[in-house]
PDB file of N, CA and C in Angstrom:
ATOM      1  N   MET A   1      70.940  75.838 135.976  1.00  0.00           N
ATOM      2  CA  MET A   1      70.552  76.578 135.482  1.00  0.00           C
ATOM      3  C   MET A   1      70.143  76.777 133.924  1.00  0.00           C
ATOM      4  N   ASN A   2      69.094  77.505 133.274  1.00  0.00           N
ATOM      5  CA  ASN A   2      68.993  77.894 131.799  1.00  0.00           C
ATOM      6  C   ASN A   2      69.463  78.480 131.241  1.00  0.00           C
ATOM      7  N   ALA A   3      69.943  78.679 129.928  1.00  0.00           N
ATOM      8  CA  ALA A   3      70.610  79.309 129.304  1.00  0.00           C
ATOM      9  C   ALA A   3      69.479  79.864 128.579  1.00  0.00           C
ATOM     10  N   PRO A   4      69.351  81.332 128.747  1.00  0.00           N
ATOM     11  CA  PRO A   4      68.464  81.891 127.412  1.00  0.00           C
ATOM     12  C   PRO A   4      67.939  81.963 126.187  1.00  0.00           C
ATOM     13  N   SER A   5      67.267  81.429 125.903  1.00  0.00           N
ATOM     14  CA  SER A   5      66.967  81.111 124.404  1.00  0.00           C
ATOM     15  C   SER A   5      67.687  82.377 123.068  1.00  0.00           C
ATOM     16  N   ARG A   6      67.607  81.651 122.251  1.00  0.00           N
ATOM     17  CA  ARG A   6      68.522  82.755 120.941  1.00  0.00           C
ATOM     18  C   ARG A   6      67.356  82.968 119.874  1.00  0.00           C
ATOM     19  N   PRO A   7      67.282  83.947 119.727  1.00  0.00           N
ATOM     20  CA  PRO A   7      66.325  84.119 118.642  1.00  0.00           C
ATOM     21  C   PRO A   7      66.776  83.009 116.922  1.00  0.00           C
ATOM     22  N   SER A   8      65.836  82.610 116.250  1.00  0.00           N
ATOM     23  CA  SER A   8      66.064  82.173 115.466  1.00  0.00           C
ATOM     24  C   SER A   8      66.942  83.172 114.497  1.00  0.00           C
ATOM     25  N   LEU A   9      68.105  82.680 113.429  1.00  0.00           N
ATOM     26  CA  LEU A   9      68.935  83.907 112.404  1.00  0.00           C
ATOM     27  C   LEU A   9      67.684  83.231 111.033  1.00  0.00           C
ATOM     28  N   LYS A  10      67.435  82.310 110.960  1.00  0.00           N
ATOM     29  CA  LYS A  10      66.232  81.837 109.645  1.00  0.00           C
ATOM     30  C   LYS A  10      65.494  83.445 109.317  1.00  0.00           C
ATOM     31  N   SER A  11      65.155  83.886 108.453  1.00  0.00           N
ATOM     32  CA  SER A  11      63.817  84.641 108.419  1.00  0.00           C
ATOM     33  C   SER A  11      62.488  84.025 107.963  1.00  0.00           C
ATOM     34  N   THR A  12      61.017  84.496 109.027  1.00  0.00           N
ATOM     35  CA  THR A  12      60.231  84.162 108.533  1.00  0.00           C
ATOM     36  C   THR A  12      59.197  84.626 107.465  1.00  0.00           C
ATOM     37  N   THR A  13      58.977  83.421 106.811  1.00  0.00           N
ATOM     38  CA  THR A  13      58.264  84.673 105.670  1.00  0.00           C
ATOM     39  C   THR A  13      56.412  84.403 106.433  1.00  0.00           C
ATOM     40  N   HIS A  14      55.414  85.672 105.834  1.00  0.00           N
ATOM     41  CA  HIS A  14      54.555  85.744 106.650  1.00  0.00           C
ATOM     42  C   HIS A  14      53.633  85.072 105.216  1.00  0.00           C
ATOM     43  N   THR A  15      52.727  84.147 105.845  1.00  0.00           N
ATOM     44  CA  THR A  15      51.418  83.616 104.829  1.00  0.00           C
ATOM     45  C   THR A  15      50.074  84.325 105.649  1.00  0.00           C
ATOM     46  N   THR A  16      49.585  84.761 104.436  1.00  0.00           N
ATOM     47  CA  THR A  16      48.227  85.484 104.149  1.00  0.00           C
ATOM     48  C   THR A  16      47.133  84.281 104.476  1.00  0.00           C
ATOM     49  N   THR A  17      45.633  84.864 104.460  1.00  0.00           N
ATOM     50  CA  THR A  17      44.888  84.064 103.825  1.00  0.00           C
ATOM     51  C   THR A  17      44.046  85.009 102.761  1.00  0.00           C
ATOM     52  N   ASP A  18      44.653  86.194 102.758  1.00  0.00           N
ATOM     53  CA  ASP A  18      43.568  87.275 101.970  1.00  0.00           C
ATOM     54  C   ASP A  18      43.925  86.991 100.332  1.00  0.00           C
ATOM     55  N   PRO A  19      42.297  86.627  99.886  1.00  0.00           N
ATOM     56  CA  PRO A  19      42.121  85.886  98.245  1.00  0.00           C
ATOM     57  C   PRO A  19      43.013  87.363  97.462  1.00  0.00           C
ATOM     58  N   ARG A  20      43.446  88.133  96.972  1.00  0.00           N
ATOM     59  CA  ARG A  20      44.076  89.133  96.838  1.00  0.00           C
ATOM     60  C   ARG A  20      45.088  88.958  95.982  1.00  0.00           C
ATOM     61  N   ALA A  21      45.719  89.272  94.611  1.00  0.00           N
ATOM     62  CA  ALA A  21      46.389  88.642  94.180  1.00  0.00           C
ATOM     63  C   ALA A  21      47.262  89.174  93.922  1.00  0.00           C
ATOM     64  N   ALA A  22      49.228  89.126  94.145  1.00  0.00           N
ATOM     65  CA  ALA A  22      49.869  89.559  94.417  1.00  0.00           C
ATOM     66  C   ALA A  22      50.078  91.366  93.533  1.00  0.00           C
ATOM     67  N   GLU A  23      50.545  91.921  93.706  1.00  0.00           N
ATOM     68  CA  GLU A  23      50.955  93.521  92.674  1.00  0.00           C
ATOM     69  C   GLU A  23      51.670  93.119  92.269  1.00  0.00           C
ATOM     70  N   ARG A  24      51.562  93.389  90.965  1.00  0.00           N
ATOM     71  CA  ARG A  24      52.998  93.131  89.773  1.00  0.00           C
ATOM     72  C   ARG A  24      53.399  94.096  89.975  1.00  0.00           C
ATOM     73  N   PRO A  25      55.088  94.016  89.560  1.00  0.00           N
ATOM     74  CA  PRO A  25      55.985  94.700  90.202  1.00  0.00           C
ATOM     75  C   PRO A  25      56.587  95.422  88.397  1.00  0.00           C
ATOM     76  N   ALA A  26      57.151  96.877  88.757  1.00  0.00           N
ATOM     77  CA  ALA A  26      57.170  97.450  87.642  1.00  0.00           C
ATOM     78  C   ALA A  26      57.297  97.035  86.528  1.00  0.00           C
ATOM     79  N   PRO A  27      57.088  97.330  84.967  1.00  0.00           N
ATOM     80  CA  PRO A  27      57.577  96.687  83.578  1.00  0.00           C
ATOM     81  C   PRO A  27      59.251  97.133  83.864  1.00  0.00           C
ATOM     82  N   PRO A  28      59.975  95.931  83.106  1.00  0.00           N
ATOM     83  CA  PRO A  28      61.843  96.573  83.239  1.00  0.00           C
ATOM     84  C   PRO A  28      61.620  97.332  81.591  1.00  0.00           C
ATOM     85  N   ALA A  29      62.846  97.849  81.727  1.00  0.00           N
ATOM     86  CA  ALA A  29      63.274  99.390  81.023  1.00  0.00           C
ATOM     87  C   ALA A  29      63.660  98.594  79.840  1.00  0.00           C
ATOM     88  N   ALA A  30      62.475  98.883  78.757  1.00  0.00           N
ATOM     89  CA  ALA A  30      62.845  98.929  77.146  1.00  0.00           C
ATOM     90  C   ALA A  30      64.410  98.681  77.207  1.00  0.00           C
ATOM     91  N   VAL A  31      65.186  98.019  76.378  1.00  0.00           N
ATOM     92  CA  VAL A  31      66.816  97.522  76.140  1.00  0.00           C
ATOM     93  C   VAL A  31      66.927  98.301  74.711  1.00  0.00           C
ATOM     94  N   GLY A  32      67.593  98.803  74.120  1.00  0.00           N
ATOM     95  CA  GLY A  32      67.738  99.518  73.112  1.00  0.00           C
ATOM     96  C   GLY A  32      67.663 100.554  72.108  1.00  0.00           C
ATOM     97  N   GLY A  33      66.873 100.952  73.977  1.00  0.00           N
ATOM     98  CA  GLY A  33      65.895 102.324  73.980  1.00  0.00           C
ATOM     99  C   GLY A  33      66.501 103.788  73.719  1.00  0.00           C
ATOM    100  N   PRO A  34      66.315 104.704  72.879  1.00  0.00           N
ATOM    101  CA  PRO A  34      67.119 106.036  72.908  1.00  0.00           C
ATOM    102  C   PRO A  34      66.763 106.629  74.132  1.00  0.00           C
ATOM    103  N   LYS A  35      68.373 106.913  74.641  1.00  0.00           N
ATOM    104  CA  LYS A  35      68.378 106.943  76.330  1.00  0.00           C
ATOM    105  C   LYS A  35      68.597 108.946  75.860  1.00  0.00           C
ATOM    106  N   VAL A  36      67.887 109.709  76.441  1.00  0.00           N
ATOM    107  CA  VAL A  36      68.161 111.525  76.500  1.00  0.00           C
ATOM    108  C   VAL A  36      69.815 111.615  77.092  1.00  0.00           C
ATOM    109  N   ALA A  37      70.069 110.790  77.449  1.00  0.00           N
ATOM    110  CA  ALA A  37      72.109 112.015  77.828  1.00  0.00           C
ATOM    111  C   ALA A  37      72.183 111.101  76.886  1.00  0.00           C
ATOM    112  N   ALA A  38      72.364 110.064  75.914  1.00  0.00           N
ATOM    113  CA  ALA A  38      73.579 110.260  75.000  1.00  0.00           C
ATOM    114  C   ALA A  38      73.128 110.290  74.192  1.00  0.00           C
ATOM    115  N   ARG A  39      71.971 111.641  73.750  1.00  0.00           N
ATOM    116  CA  ARG A  39      72.062 112.530  72.259  1.00  0.00           C
ATOM    117  C   ARG A  39      72.119 114.114  72.996  1.00  0.00           C
ATOM    118  N   LYS A  40      72.922 114.013  74.686  1.00  0.00           N
ATOM    119  CA  LYS A  40      73.388 115.461  75.162  1.00  0.00           C
ATOM    120  C   LYS A  40      74.601 115.344  75.184  1.00  0.00           C
ATOM    121  N   GLY A  41      75.740 114.219  74.590  1.00  0.00           N
ATOM    122  CA  GLY A  41      77.025 114.069  74.863  1.00  0.00           C
ATOM    123  C   GLY A  41      77.874 115.297  73.828  1.00  0.00           C
ATOM    124  N   VAL A  42      79.241 115.548  74.385  1.00  0.00           N
ATOM    125  CA  VAL A  42      80.052 116.566  74.215  1.00  0.00           C
ATOM    126  C   VAL A  42      79.914 116.578  72.827  1.00  0.00           C
ATOM    127  N   VAL A  43      79.712 117.561  72.522  1.00  0.00           N
ATOM    128  CA  VAL A  43      79.122 118.552  70.850  1.00  0.00           C
ATOM    129  C   VAL A  43      80.853 118.958  70.931  1.00  0.00           C
ATOM    130  N   SER A  44      81.725 119.498  71.348  1.00  0.00           N
ATOM    131  CA  SER A  44      82.775 119.842  70.656  1.00  0.00           C
ATOM    132  C   SER A  44      83.739 118.740  70.371  1.00  0.00           C
ATOM    133  N   VAL A  45      84.046 117.336  70.717  1.00  0.00           N
ATOM    134  CA  VAL A  45      84.497 116.488  70.315  1.00  0.00           C
ATOM    135  C   VAL A  45      83.676 116.077  68.440  1.00  0.00           C
ATOM    136  N   LEU A  46      82.199 116.868  68.335  1.00  0.00           N
ATOM    137  CA  LEU A  46      82.012 116.178  66.632  1.00  0.00           C
ATOM    138  C   LEU A  46      82.671 117.462  65.943  1.00  0.00           C
ATOM    139  N   ARG A  47      82.495 118.241  66.502  1.00  0.00           N
ATOM    140  CA  ARG A  47      82.790 119.149  65.275  1.00  0.00           C
ATOM    141  C   ARG A  47      84.232 119.033  65.048  1.00  0.00           C
ATOM    142  N   PRO A  48      84.170 119.822  63.649  1.00  0.00           N
ATOM    143  CA  PRO A  48      85.224 119.804  62.493  1.00  0.00           C
ATOM    144  C   PRO A  48      86.476 120.947  62.965  1.00  0.00           C
ATOM    145  N   GLY A  49      87.942 120.690  63.601  1.00  0.00           N
ATOM    146  CA  GLY A  49      88.367 122.179  63.348  1.00  0.00           C
ATOM    147  C   GLY A  49      88.305 123.547  64.816  1.00  0.00           C
ATOM    148  N   LEU A  50      87.948 122.447  65.408  1.00  0.00           N
ATOM    149  CA  LEU A  50      88.364 122.632  67.027  1.00  0.00           C
ATOM    150  C   LEU A  50      89.795 122.731  67.164  1.00  0.00           C
ATOM    151  N   HIS A  51      90.097 121.556  67.661  1.00  0.00           N
ATOM    152  CA  HIS A  51      91.219 121.013  67.652  1.00  0.00           C
ATOM    153  C   HIS A  51      92.802 121.099  66.328  1.00  0.00           C
ATOM    154  N   LYS A  52      93.167 122.775  66.500  1.00  0.00           N
ATOM    155  CA  LYS A  52      93.838 122.644  64.913  1.00  0.00           C
ATOM    156  C   LYS A  52      95.148 121.992  65.179  1.00  0.00           C
ATOM    157  N   SER A  53      95.368 120.750  64.712  1.00  0.00           N
ATOM    158  CA  SER A  53      96.506 120.195  64.415  1.00  0.00           C
ATOM    159  C   SER A  53      97.614 120.249  63.067  1.00  0.00           C
ATOM    160  N   ASP A  54      98.642 120.072  63.691  1.00  0.00           N
ATOM    161  CA  ASP A  54     100.025 120.163  62.689  1.00  0.00           C
ATOM    162  C   ASP A  54     100.508 118.986  62.116  1.00  0.00           C
ATOM    163  N   GLY A  55      99.327 118.028  61.664  1.00  0.00           N
ATOM    164  CA  GLY A  55     100.135 116.776  61.676  1.00  0.00           C
ATOM    165  C   GLY A  55     100.825 115.934  62.608  1.00  0.00           C
ATOM    166  N   ARG A  56     100.741 116.631  63.404  1.00  0.00           N
ATOM    167  CA  ARG A  56     102.109 115.264  64.266  1.00  0.00           C
ATOM    168  C   ARG A  56     101.709 114.562  65.142  1.00  0.00           C
ATOM    169  N   HIS A  57     102.442 113.746  65.185  1.00  0.00           N
ATOM    170  CA  HIS A  57     101.915 112.600  66.575  1.00  0.00           C
ATOM    171  C   HIS A  57     102.774 111.794  67.207  1.00  0.00           C
ATOM    172  N   PRO A  58     103.119 111.653  68.535  1.00  0.00           N
ATOM    173  CA  PRO A  58     104.148 110.778  69.302  1.00  0.00           C
ATOM    174  C   PRO A  58     104.185 109.188  68.397  1.00  0.00           C
ATOM    175  N   VAL A  59     106.024 109.162  68.011  1.00  0.00           N
ATOM    176  CA  VAL A  59     105.641 107.859  66.743  1.00  0.00           C
ATOM    177  C   VAL A  59     106.889 106.714  68.453  1.00  0.00           C
ATOM    178  N   ALA A  60     107.729 107.153  68.978  1.00  0.00           N
ATOM    179  CA  ALA A  60     108.074 106.801  70.333  1.00  0.00           C
ATOM    180  C   ALA A  60     107.860 107.381  71.534  1.00  0.00           C
ATOM    181  N   TRP A  61     108.464 106.045  72.285  1.00  0.00           N
ATOM    182  CA  TRP A  61     108.231 106.851  73.904  1.00  0.00           C
ATOM    183  C   TRP A  61     109.583 106.109  74.541  1.00  0.00           C
ATOM    184  N   LEU A  62     110.085 107.052  75.488  1.00  0.00           N
ATOM    185  CA  LEU A  62     110.756 106.670  75.700  1.00  0.00           C
ATOM    186  C   LEU A  62     110.434 107.464  77.907  1.00  0.00           C
ATOM    187  N   HIS A  63     110.357 105.628  78.196  1.00  0.00           N
ATOM    188  CA  HIS A  63     110.237 106.243  79.916  1.00  0.00           C
ATOM    189  C   HIS A  63     111.460 105.865  81.060  1.00  0.00           C
ATOM    190  N   ILE A  64     111.663 106.604  81.273  1.00  0.00           N
ATOM    191  CA  ILE A  64     112.728 106.358  82.606  1.00  0.00           C
ATOM    192  C   ILE A  64     112.371 106.216  83.853  1.00  0.00           C
ATOM    193  N   SER A  65     112.534 104.878  85.132  1.00  0.00           N
ATOM    194  CA  SER A  65     112.057 105.802  86.345  1.00  0.00           C
ATOM    195  C   SER A  65     113.363 104.943  87.248  1.00  0.00           C
ATOM    196  N   TYR A  66     113.542 106.337  88.240  1.00  0.00           N
ATOM    197  CA  TYR A  66     114.898 106.060  89.024  1.00  0.00           C
ATOM    198  C   TYR A  66     114.559 106.815  90.026  1.00  0.00           C
ATOM    199  N   PRO A  67     114.103 105.964  90.620  1.00  0.00           N
ATOM    200  CA  PRO A  67     113.207 106.461  92.167  1.00  0.00           C
ATOM    201  C   PRO A  67     114.494 106.295  93.320  1.00  0.00           C
ATOM    202  N   HIS A  68     114.590 107.046  94.372  1.00  0.00           N
ATOM    203  CA  HIS A  68     115.744 107.668  95.069  1.00  0.00           C
ATOM    204  C   HIS A  68     115.686 106.324  96.206  1.00  0.00           C
ATOM    205  N   GLY A  69     116.714 106.013  96.132  1.00  0.00           N
ATOM    206  CA  GLY A  69     117.927 104.734  96.291  1.00  0.00           C
ATOM    207  C   GLY A  69     117.476 103.433  95.437  1.00  0.00           C
ATOM    208  N   ALA A  70     117.031 103.774  94.517  1.00  0.00           N
ATOM    209  CA  ALA A  70     116.236 102.238  93.991  1.00  0.00           C
ATOM    210  C   ALA A  70     117.123 102.551  92.268  1.00  0.00           C
ATOM    211  N   THR A  71     117.130 101.010  92.063  1.00  0.00           N
ATOM    212  CA  THR A  71     117.325 100.678  90.408  1.00  0.00           C
ATOM    213  C   THR A  71     116.868 101.083  89.343  1.00  0.00           C
ATOM    214  N   PRO A  72     117.322 101.694  88.924  1.00  0.00           N
ATOM    215  CA  PRO A  72     116.929 102.607  88.140  1.00  0.00           C
ATOM    216  C   PRO A  72     116.315 101.518  86.446  1.00  0.00           C
ATOM    217  N   THR A  73     115.006 101.612  85.829  1.00  0.00           N
ATOM    218  CA  THR A  73     114.637 101.021  84.999  1.00  0.00           C
ATOM    219  C   THR A  73     114.447 102.446  83.592  1.00  0.00           C
ATOM    220  N   ALA A  74     113.805 101.422  82.956  1.00  0.00           N
ATOM    221  CA  ALA A  74     113.973 102.161  81.180  1.00  0.00           C
ATOM    222  C   ALA A  74     113.405 100.854  79.919  1.00  0.00           C
ATOM    223  N   THR A  75     111.852 101.896  79.918  1.00  0.00           N
ATOM    224  CA  THR A  75     111.518 101.599  78.531  1.00  0.00           C
ATOM    225  C   THR A  75     111.431 102.223  77.337  1.00  0.00           C
ATOM    226  N   SER A  76     111.633 101.959  75.924  1.00  0.00           N
ATOM    227  CA  SER A  76     112.018 102.224  74.976  1.00  0.00           C
ATOM    228  C   SER A  76     110.518 101.676  74.122  1.00  0.00           C
ATOM    229  N   ARG A  77     109.570 102.453  73.599  1.00  0.00           N
ATOM    230  CA  ARG A  77     108.656 101.712  72.613  1.00  0.00           C
ATOM    231  C   ARG A  77     108.468 102.846  71.601  1.00  0.00           C
ATOM    232  N   CYS A  78     107.841 102.059  70.366  1.00  0.00           N
ATOM    233  CA  CYS A  78     107.756 102.523  69.151  1.00  0.00           C
ATOM    234  C   CYS A  78     106.805 102.049  68.522  1.00  0.00           C
ATOM    235  N   ALA A  79     105.458 103.236  67.955  1.00  0.00           N
ATOM    236  CA  ALA A  79     104.667 102.641  67.275  1.00  0.00           C
ATOM    237  C   ALA A  79     104.640 101.421  65.818  1.00  0.00           C
ATOM    238  N   CYS A  80     106.361 101.555  65.908  1.00  0.00           N
ATOM    239  CA  CYS A  80     106.712 100.161  64.571  1.00  0.00           C
ATOM    240  C   CYS A  80     106.675  99.025  64.710  1.00  0.00           C
ATOM    241  N   GLY A  81     106.463  99.077  66.065  1.00  0.00           N
ATOM    242  CA  GLY A  81     106.172  97.694  67.321  1.00  0.00           C
ATOM    243  C   GLY A  81     107.706  97.540  67.693  1.00  0.00           C
ATOM    244  N   ARG A  82     108.624  98.241  68.210  1.00  0.00           N
ATOM    245  CA  ARG A  82     109.904  97.774  69.111  1.00  0.00           C
ATOM    246  C   ARG A  82     109.213  98.638  70.306  1.00  0.00           C
ATOM    247  N   ASP A  83     109.934  97.153  71.050  1.00  0.00           N
ATOM    248  CA  ASP A  83     109.670  96.913  71.970  1.00  0.00           C
ATOM    249  C   ASP A  83     110.951  97.258  73.731  1.00  0.00           C
ATOM    250  N   ARG A  84     111.909  98.140  73.943  1.00  0.00           N
ATOM    251  CA  ARG A  84     112.587  97.224  74.871  1.00  0.00           C
ATOM    252  C   ARG A  84     112.584  97.654  76.251  1.00  0.00           C
ATOM    253  N   LYS A  85     113.405  96.782  76.291  1.00  0.00           N
ATOM    254  CA  LYS A  85     113.480  97.460  78.115  1.00  0.00           C
ATOM    255  C   LYS A  85     114.019  97.249  79.070  1.00  0.00           C
ATOM    256  N   ALA A  86     115.386  98.301  79.799  1.00  0.00           N
ATOM    257  CA  ALA A  86     116.300  98.100  80.615  1.00  0.00           C
ATOM    258  C   ALA A  86     116.348  97.828  81.600  1.00  0.00           C
ATOM    259  N   VAL A  87     117.290  97.277  82.875  1.00  0.00           N
ATOM    260  CA  VAL A  87     117.198  97.526  84.330  1.00  0.00           C
ATOM    261  C   VAL A  87     118.975  98.057  84.487  1.00  0.00           C
ATOM    262  N   GLY A  88     118.720  98.318  85.197  1.00  0.00           N
ATOM    263  CA  GLY A  88     120.224  98.864  86.083  1.00  0.00           C
ATOM    264  C   GLY A  88     121.326 100.071  85.491  1.00  0.00           C
ATOM    265  N   HIS A  89     121.729 100.480  85.721  1.00  0.00           N
ATOM    266  CA  HIS A  89     122.602 101.935  85.333  1.00  0.00           C
ATOM    267  C   HIS A  89     123.608 102.214  83.870  1.00  0.00           C
ATOM    268  N   GLU A  90     123.786 100.854  83.476  1.00  0.00           N
ATOM    269  CA  GLU A  90     124.380 100.807  82.079  1.00  0.00           C
ATOM    270  C   GLU A  90     123.805 100.623  81.539  1.00  0.00           C
ATOM    271  N   ARG A  91     122.823  99.510  81.866  1.00  0.00           N
ATOM    272  CA  ARG A  91     122.285  99.396  80.808  1.00  0.00           C
ATOM    273  C   ARG A  91     121.081 100.105  80.548  1.00  0.00           C
ATOM    274  N   VAL A  92     120.964 100.985  81.700  1.00  0.00           N
ATOM    275  CA  VAL A  92     119.581 102.110  81.201  1.00  0.00           C
ATOM    276  C   VAL A  92     120.187 102.855  79.810  1.00  0.00           C
ATOM    277  N   LEU A  93     121.079 103.304  80.312  1.00  0.00           N
ATOM    278  CA  LEU A  93     121.994 104.010  79.819  1.00  0.00           C
ATOM    279  C   LEU A  93     121.715 103.833  78.358  1.00  0.00           C
ATOM    280  N   ALA A  94     122.541 102.146  77.735  1.00  0.00           N
ATOM    281  CA  ALA A  94     123.034 101.891  77.007  1.00  0.00           C
ATOM    282  C   ALA A  94     120.742 101.942  75.614  1.00  0.00           C
ATOM    283  N   LEU A  95     119.712 102.042  76.988  1.00  0.00           N
ATOM    284  CA  LEU A  95     118.693 101.831  76.308  1.00  0.00           C
ATOM    285  C   LEU A  95     118.326 103.387  75.464  1.00  0.00           C
ATOM    286  N   ILE A  96     119.044 104.295  76.240  1.00  0.00           N
ATOM    287  CA  ILE A  96     118.715 105.611  76.255  1.00  0.00           C
ATOM    288  C   ILE A  96     119.397 105.873  74.617  1.00  0.00           C
ATOM    289  N   ASP A  97     120.613 105.640  74.727  1.00  0.00           N
ATOM    290  CA  ASP A  97     121.266 105.648  73.424  1.00  0.00           C
ATOM    291  C   ASP A  97     120.445 105.031  72.212  1.00  0.00           C
ATOM    292  N   ALA A  98     120.491 103.489  72.399  1.00  0.00           N
ATOM    293  CA  ALA A  98     119.777 102.822  71.450  1.00  0.00           C
ATOM    294  C   ALA A  98     118.290 103.331  71.013  1.00  0.00           C
ATOM    295  N   HIS A  99     117.948 103.962  72.146  1.00  0.00           N
ATOM    296  CA  HIS A  99     116.331 104.563  71.782  1.00  0.00           C
ATOM    297  C   HIS A  99     116.410 106.202  70.484  1.00  0.00           C
ATOM    298  N   THR A 100     117.654 106.802  70.718  1.00  0.00           N
ATOM    299  CA  THR A 100     117.861 107.894  70.362  1.00  0.00           C
ATOM    300  C   THR A 100     118.592 107.730  68.552  1.00  0.00           C
ATOM    301  N   ALA A 101     119.316 106.662  68.340  1.00  0.00           N
ATOM    302  CA  ALA A 101     119.879 106.093  67.362  1.00  0.00           C
ATOM    303  C   ALA A 101     118.489 105.198  66.553  1.00  0.00           C
ATOM    304  N   HIS A 102     117.220 105.098  67.131  1.00  0.00           N
ATOM    305  CA  HIS A 102     116.463 104.196  66.314  1.00  0.00           C
ATOM    306  C   HIS A 102     115.642 105.566  65.382  1.00  0.00           C
ATOM    307  N   ARG A 103     115.913 106.852  66.093  1.00  0.00           N
ATOM    308  CA  ARG A 103     115.008 107.616  65.365  1.00  0.00           C
ATOM    309  C   ARG A 103     115.709 107.181  64.169  1.00  0.00           C
ATOM    310  N   ASP A 104     116.959 107.581  63.153  1.00  0.00           N
ATOM    311  CA  ASP A 104     117.136 107.160  61.902  1.00  0.00           C
ATOM    312  C   ASP A 104     117.083 105.919  61.332  1.00  0.00           C
ATOM    313  N   THR A 105     116.913 104.862  62.147  1.00  0.00           N
ATOM    314  CA  THR A 105     116.084 103.383  61.171  1.00  0.00           C
ATOM    315  C   THR A 105     114.590 103.387  61.542  1.00  0.00           C
ATOM    316  N   CYS A 106     113.349 104.475  61.987  1.00  0.00           N
ATOM    317  CA  CYS A 106     112.727 103.556  62.271  1.00  0.00           C
ATOM    318  C   CYS A 106     111.742 103.614  61.010  1.00  0.00           C
ATOM    319  N   PRO A 107     111.192 102.857  60.389  1.00  0.00           N
ATOM    320  CA  PRO A 107     110.507 102.857  59.504  1.00  0.00           C
ATOM    321  C   PRO A 107     108.980 103.893  59.313  1.00  0.00           C
ATOM    322  N   LEU A 108     108.586 104.127  60.488  1.00  0.00           N
ATOM    323  CA  LEU A 108     107.431 104.866  60.608  1.00  0.00           C
ATOM    324  C   LEU A 108     108.414 106.936  59.701  1.00  0.00           C
ATOM    325  N   ARG A 109     109.160 106.752  60.638  1.00  0.00           N
ATOM    326  CA  ARG A 109     110.060 108.206  60.876  1.00  0.00           C
ATOM    327  C   ARG A 109     110.385 108.678  59.452  1.00  0.00           C
ATOM    328  N   ASN A 110     110.815 108.141  58.578  1.00  0.00           N
ATOM    329  CA  ASN A 110     112.018 107.577  57.686  1.00  0.00           C
ATOM    330  C   ASN A 110     111.401 106.853  56.467  1.00  0.00           C
ATOM    331  N   PRO A 111     110.516 106.555  55.799  1.00  0.00           N
ATOM    332  CA  PRO A 111     109.906 105.421  55.348  1.00  0.00           C
ATOM    333  C   PRO A 111     111.137 105.463  53.812  1.00  0.00           C
ATOM    334  N   LYS A 112     111.102 105.134  53.579  1.00  0.00           N
ATOM    335  CA  LYS A 112     111.877 103.851  52.317  1.00  0.00           C
ATOM    336  C   LYS A 112     111.123 103.829  50.843  1.00  0.00           C
ATOM    337  N   GLU A 113     109.642 103.985  51.044  1.00  0.00           N
ATOM    338  CA  GLU A 113     108.807 104.501  49.585  1.00  0.00           C
ATOM    339  C   GLU A 113     109.294 105.584  49.242  1.00  0.00           C
ATOM    340  N   GLY A 114     108.924 106.566  50.033  1.00  0.00           N
ATOM    341  CA  GLY A 114     108.895 108.258  49.926  1.00  0.00           C
ATOM    342  C   GLY A 114     109.916 108.642  49.469  1.00  0.00           C
ATOM    343  N   ARG A 115     111.047 108.709  49.751  1.00  0.00           N
ATOM    344  CA  ARG A 115     112.395 108.836  49.478  1.00  0.00           C
ATOM    345  C   ARG A 115     112.727 108.562  47.981  1.00  0.00           C
ATOM    346  N   ALA A 116     112.018 107.610  47.654  1.00  0.00           N
ATOM    347  CA  ALA A 116     112.592 107.188  45.978  1.00  0.00           C
ATOM    348  C   ALA A 116     112.212 108.021  45.649  1.00  0.00           C
ATOM    349  N   ALA A 117     110.699 108.672  45.558  1.00  0.00           N
ATOM    350  CA  ALA A 117     110.139 109.344  44.534  1.00  0.00           C
ATOM    351  C   ALA A 117     110.709 110.694  44.073  1.00  0.00           C
ATOM    352  N   ALA A 118     111.193 111.222  45.350  1.00  0.00           N
ATOM    353  CA  ALA A 118     111.478 112.571  46.054  1.00  0.00           C
ATOM    354  C   ALA A 118     112.733 112.471  45.222  1.00  0.00           C
TER     355      ALA A 118
END
């Protein structure tokens, strides 16, 4: 018995005997040209005075994670460069206390130069 022949998995290219030249593809898009979407950006971001601020901004962050039935973790970060991590009940509680105490010693919250002038 002969097995049925399988079709070839390779694609075949068709050749033509037509003397015409190949069609040219569309020209590529210009690089660096102005885009209409960029000119229609969000205007409210550029206008001053829309977001009234009293000048305050976050300096220190305390992130505590205590999933149900898991070990608690905490991270204390400050814009001055302080970055502490703790794992476990006692260490997380100690980190919370250290984070609170850092408010009094942080150079960003308590600049030394301004106090001498005052």
